[in-house]
Amino acid sequence: MMKQREVTTADNTRWTCVQAYAAVESSTADQATSLSETEEGAVPVVCTPSGGAQTVRLELGKDWLDNLSDDELATAIQAAQ
């Protein structure tokens, strides 16, 4: 099952964020996930809005699902817009 997070930014846009390649279960996806991690340990995360805003791509620490607060995630989304 794909893990995702939802967060609402100050403009009341609800965003759904998932780690790139996380929904695919295969050895190729595992390799793509490993290769996409930066030297600093960041992973690509795609956040899709509920409204008319454009999808954003972020690089976040690989522990973003559990250790990044909603405020920090919302701030990262707004900075990437």
N, C-alpha and C. Protein backbone atom coordinates (compact mmCIF):
# COMPACT_ATOMS: atom_id res chain seq x y z
N MET A 1 0.84 -1.18 0.00
CA MET A 1 0.00 0.00 0.00
C MET A 1 0.89 1.26 0.00
N MET A 2 0.52 2.23 -0.80
CA MET A 2 1.29 3.45 -0.92
C MET A 2 1.03 4.36 0.29
N LYS A 3 2.11 4.85 0.87
CA LYS A 3 1.98 5.79 1.97
C LYS A 3 1.96 7.20 1.41
N GLN A 4 1.08 8.02 1.94
CA GLN A 4 0.98 9.41 1.50
C GLN A 4 0.64 10.28 2.68
N ARG A 5 0.83 11.57 2.48
CA ARG A 5 0.47 12.56 3.50
C ARG A 5 -0.38 13.62 2.85
N GLU A 6 -1.33 14.13 3.61
CA GLU A 6 -2.14 15.26 3.16
C GLU A 6 -1.87 16.43 4.09
N VAL A 7 -1.78 17.60 3.47
CA VAL A 7 -1.54 18.82 4.24
C VAL A 7 -2.29 19.96 3.55
N THR A 8 -2.73 20.92 4.33
CA THR A 8 -3.43 22.09 3.78
C THR A 8 -2.55 23.31 3.99
N THR A 9 -2.33 24.05 2.89
CA THR A 9 -1.51 25.26 2.97
C THR A 9 -2.37 26.45 3.38
N ALA A 10 -1.72 27.58 3.63
CA ALA A 10 -2.40 28.78 4.13
C ALA A 10 -3.51 29.27 3.21
N ASP A 11 -3.42 28.96 1.92
CA ASP A 11 -4.45 29.40 0.97
C ASP A 11 -5.60 28.39 0.87
N ASN A 12 -5.66 27.46 1.83
CA ASN A 12 -6.70 26.42 1.92
C ASN A 12 -6.68 25.42 0.77
N THR A 13 -5.53 25.23 0.15
CA THR A 13 -5.37 24.18 -0.85
C THR A 13 -4.91 22.92 -0.13
N ARG A 14 -5.62 21.82 -0.39
CA ARG A 14 -5.23 20.54 0.22
C ARG A 14 -4.31 19.81 -0.75
N TRP A 15 -3.18 19.37 -0.26
CA TRP A 15 -2.16 18.71 -1.06
C TRP A 15 -2.01 17.27 -0.61
N THR A 16 -1.83 16.36 -1.56
CA THR A 16 -1.53 14.97 -1.28
C THR A 16 -0.11 14.71 -1.77
N CYS A 17 0.75 14.28 -0.86
CA CYS A 17 2.17 14.09 -1.18
C CYS A 17 2.56 12.62 -1.07
N VAL A 18 3.31 12.16 -2.08
CA VAL A 18 3.80 10.79 -2.10
C VAL A 18 5.25 10.80 -2.57
N GLN A 19 6.00 9.84 -2.10
CA GLN A 19 7.37 9.69 -2.57
C GLN A 19 7.36 9.09 -3.96
N ALA A 20 8.13 9.66 -4.87
CA ALA A 20 8.19 9.15 -6.24
C ALA A 20 8.60 7.68 -6.23
N TYR A 21 7.98 6.89 -7.06
CA TYR A 21 8.21 5.46 -7.23
C TYR A 21 7.68 4.61 -6.08
N ALA A 22 7.09 5.22 -5.06
CA ALA A 22 6.66 4.45 -3.89
C ALA A 22 5.47 3.55 -4.18
N ALA A 23 4.69 3.86 -5.20
CA ALA A 23 3.49 3.07 -5.47
C ALA A 23 3.77 1.81 -6.27
N VAL A 24 4.95 1.72 -6.85
CA VAL A 24 5.27 0.58 -7.71
C VAL A 24 6.09 -0.43 -6.91
N GLU A 25 5.63 -1.67 -6.94
CA GLU A 25 6.35 -2.71 -6.21
C GLU A 25 7.04 -3.64 -7.20
N SER A 26 8.30 -3.39 -7.43
CA SER A 26 9.09 -4.24 -8.31
C SER A 26 10.56 -3.96 -8.04
N SER A 27 11.41 -4.82 -8.54
CA SER A 27 12.84 -4.60 -8.33
C SER A 27 13.29 -3.36 -9.09
N THR A 28 12.66 -3.08 -10.23
CA THR A 28 13.00 -1.87 -10.99
C THR A 28 12.64 -0.62 -10.20
N ALA A 29 11.47 -0.62 -9.56
CA ALA A 29 11.05 0.52 -8.74
C ALA A 29 11.98 0.69 -7.54
N ASP A 30 12.38 -0.43 -6.93
CA ASP A 30 13.32 -0.35 -5.81
C ASP A 30 14.64 0.29 -6.26
N GLN A 31 15.11 -0.11 -7.44
CA GLN A 31 16.35 0.45 -7.96
C GLN A 31 16.18 1.93 -8.28
N ALA A 32 15.03 2.31 -8.88
CA ALA A 32 14.77 3.71 -9.20
C ALA A 32 14.71 4.55 -7.93
N THR A 33 14.09 4.02 -6.89
CA THR A 33 14.02 4.72 -5.61
C THR A 33 15.41 4.93 -5.05
N SER A 34 16.22 3.90 -5.09
CA SER A 34 17.59 3.99 -4.58
C SER A 34 18.41 5.00 -5.39
N LEU A 35 18.30 4.96 -6.70
CA LEU A 35 19.06 5.87 -7.56
C LEU A 35 18.59 7.32 -7.44
N SER A 36 17.32 7.52 -7.09
CA SER A 36 16.80 8.88 -7.01
C SER A 36 17.18 9.59 -5.71
N GLU A 37 17.68 8.84 -4.74
CA GLU A 37 18.09 9.45 -3.47
C GLU A 37 19.39 10.24 -3.69
N THR A 38 19.40 11.47 -3.20
CA THR A 38 20.57 12.31 -3.37
C THR A 38 21.66 11.91 -2.38
N GLU A 39 22.86 12.44 -2.58
CA GLU A 39 23.97 12.14 -1.67
C GLU A 39 23.67 12.62 -0.26
N GLU A 40 22.82 13.64 -0.14
CA GLU A 40 22.45 14.18 1.17
C GLU A 40 21.33 13.38 1.83
N GLY A 41 20.83 12.36 1.14
CA GLY A 41 19.77 11.53 1.72
C GLY A 41 18.37 12.02 1.42
N ALA A 42 18.21 12.95 0.48
CA ALA A 42 16.89 13.45 0.12
C ALA A 42 16.28 12.56 -0.95
N VAL A 43 14.94 12.50 -0.93
CA VAL A 43 14.21 11.71 -1.91
C VAL A 43 13.20 12.62 -2.62
N PRO A 44 12.83 12.27 -3.87
CA PRO A 44 11.84 13.07 -4.58
C PRO A 44 10.44 12.79 -4.05
N VAL A 45 9.70 13.85 -3.80
CA VAL A 45 8.33 13.76 -3.32
C VAL A 45 7.47 14.61 -4.24
N VAL A 46 6.36 14.05 -4.69
CA VAL A 46 5.44 14.76 -5.58
C VAL A 46 4.19 15.10 -4.79
N CYS A 47 3.80 16.39 -4.83
CA CYS A 47 2.62 16.86 -4.12
C CYS A 47 1.61 17.38 -5.14
N THR A 48 0.40 16.83 -5.07
CA THR A 48 -0.66 17.16 -6.01
C THR A 48 -1.75 17.92 -5.26
N PRO A 49 -2.20 19.06 -5.82
CA PRO A 49 -3.20 19.88 -5.15
C PRO A 49 -4.62 19.40 -5.42
N SER A 50 -5.53 19.82 -4.55
CA SER A 50 -6.95 19.50 -4.73
C SER A 50 -7.61 20.49 -5.68
N GLY A 51 -7.05 21.67 -5.80
CA GLY A 51 -7.67 22.71 -6.62
C GLY A 51 -6.90 22.99 -7.89
N GLY A 52 -6.83 24.25 -8.27
CA GLY A 52 -6.24 24.63 -9.54
C GLY A 52 -4.74 24.83 -9.53
N ALA A 53 -4.10 24.65 -8.39
CA ALA A 53 -2.65 24.85 -8.33
C ALA A 53 -1.95 23.73 -9.10
N GLN A 54 -0.70 23.97 -9.44
CA GLN A 54 0.08 23.00 -10.20
C GLN A 54 0.84 22.06 -9.26
N THR A 55 0.96 20.80 -9.65
CA THR A 55 1.72 19.81 -8.90
C THR A 55 3.15 20.31 -8.69
N VAL A 56 3.70 20.04 -7.51
CA VAL A 56 5.08 20.43 -7.23
C VAL A 56 5.90 19.19 -6.90
N ARG A 57 7.18 19.27 -7.19
CA ARG A 57 8.13 18.19 -6.87
C ARG A 57 9.12 18.75 -5.86
N LEU A 58 9.30 18.02 -4.79
CA LEU A 58 10.18 18.44 -3.70
C LEU A 58 11.29 17.41 -3.51
N GLU A 59 12.37 17.83 -2.89
CA GLU A 59 13.38 16.91 -2.39
C GLU A 59 13.38 17.05 -0.88
N LEU A 60 13.00 15.97 -0.21
CA LEU A 60 12.88 15.98 1.25
C LEU A 60 13.69 14.84 1.84
N GLY A 61 14.01 14.96 3.11
CA GLY A 61 14.71 13.88 3.80
C GLY A 61 13.90 12.59 3.70
N LYS A 62 14.59 11.44 3.60
CA LYS A 62 13.87 10.19 3.39
C LYS A 62 12.95 9.82 4.56
N ASP A 63 13.06 10.52 5.68
CA ASP A 63 12.17 10.29 6.81
C ASP A 63 11.00 11.29 6.84
N TRP A 64 10.73 11.95 5.71
CA TRP A 64 9.72 13.01 5.64
C TRP A 64 8.33 12.53 6.05
N LEU A 65 7.99 11.29 5.77
CA LEU A 65 6.65 10.79 6.12
C LEU A 65 6.39 10.83 7.62
N ASP A 66 7.40 10.50 8.39
CA ASP A 66 7.23 10.38 9.84
C ASP A 66 7.75 11.57 10.63
N ASN A 67 8.75 12.28 10.10
CA ASN A 67 9.42 13.28 10.93
C ASN A 67 9.28 14.73 10.47
N LEU A 68 8.66 14.97 9.32
CA LEU A 68 8.46 16.34 8.86
C LEU A 68 7.08 16.80 9.31
N SER A 69 7.02 17.93 10.01
CA SER A 69 5.72 18.40 10.50
C SER A 69 4.86 18.89 9.34
N ASP A 70 3.55 18.98 9.58
CA ASP A 70 2.65 19.51 8.55
C ASP A 70 3.04 20.92 8.15
N ASP A 71 3.42 21.74 9.12
CA ASP A 71 3.84 23.12 8.83
C ASP A 71 5.08 23.15 7.94
N GLU A 72 6.04 22.29 8.23
CA GLU A 72 7.26 22.22 7.42
C GLU A 72 6.96 21.75 6.00
N LEU A 73 6.07 20.77 5.87
CA LEU A 73 5.69 20.27 4.55
C LEU A 73 4.94 21.36 3.77
N ALA A 74 4.02 22.05 4.42
CA ALA A 74 3.28 23.13 3.76
C ALA A 74 4.23 24.24 3.32
N THR A 75 5.19 24.58 4.15
CA THR A 75 6.17 25.61 3.81
C THR A 75 7.00 25.19 2.61
N ALA A 76 7.41 23.93 2.55
CA ALA A 76 8.19 23.43 1.42
C ALA A 76 7.38 23.49 0.13
N ILE A 77 6.10 23.15 0.22
CA ILE A 77 5.22 23.20 -0.96
C ILE A 77 5.10 24.64 -1.45
N GLN A 78 4.82 25.56 -0.54
CA GLN A 78 4.66 26.96 -0.93
C GLN A 78 5.94 27.55 -1.51
N ALA A 79 7.09 27.14 -1.00
CA ALA A 79 8.37 27.63 -1.52
C ALA A 79 8.64 27.10 -2.92
N ALA A 80 8.10 25.92 -3.24
CA ALA A 80 8.34 25.30 -4.55
C ALA A 80 7.39 25.80 -5.64
N GLN A 81 6.36 26.51 -5.24
CA GLN A 81 5.37 26.98 -6.23
C GLN A 81 5.91 28.11 -7.06
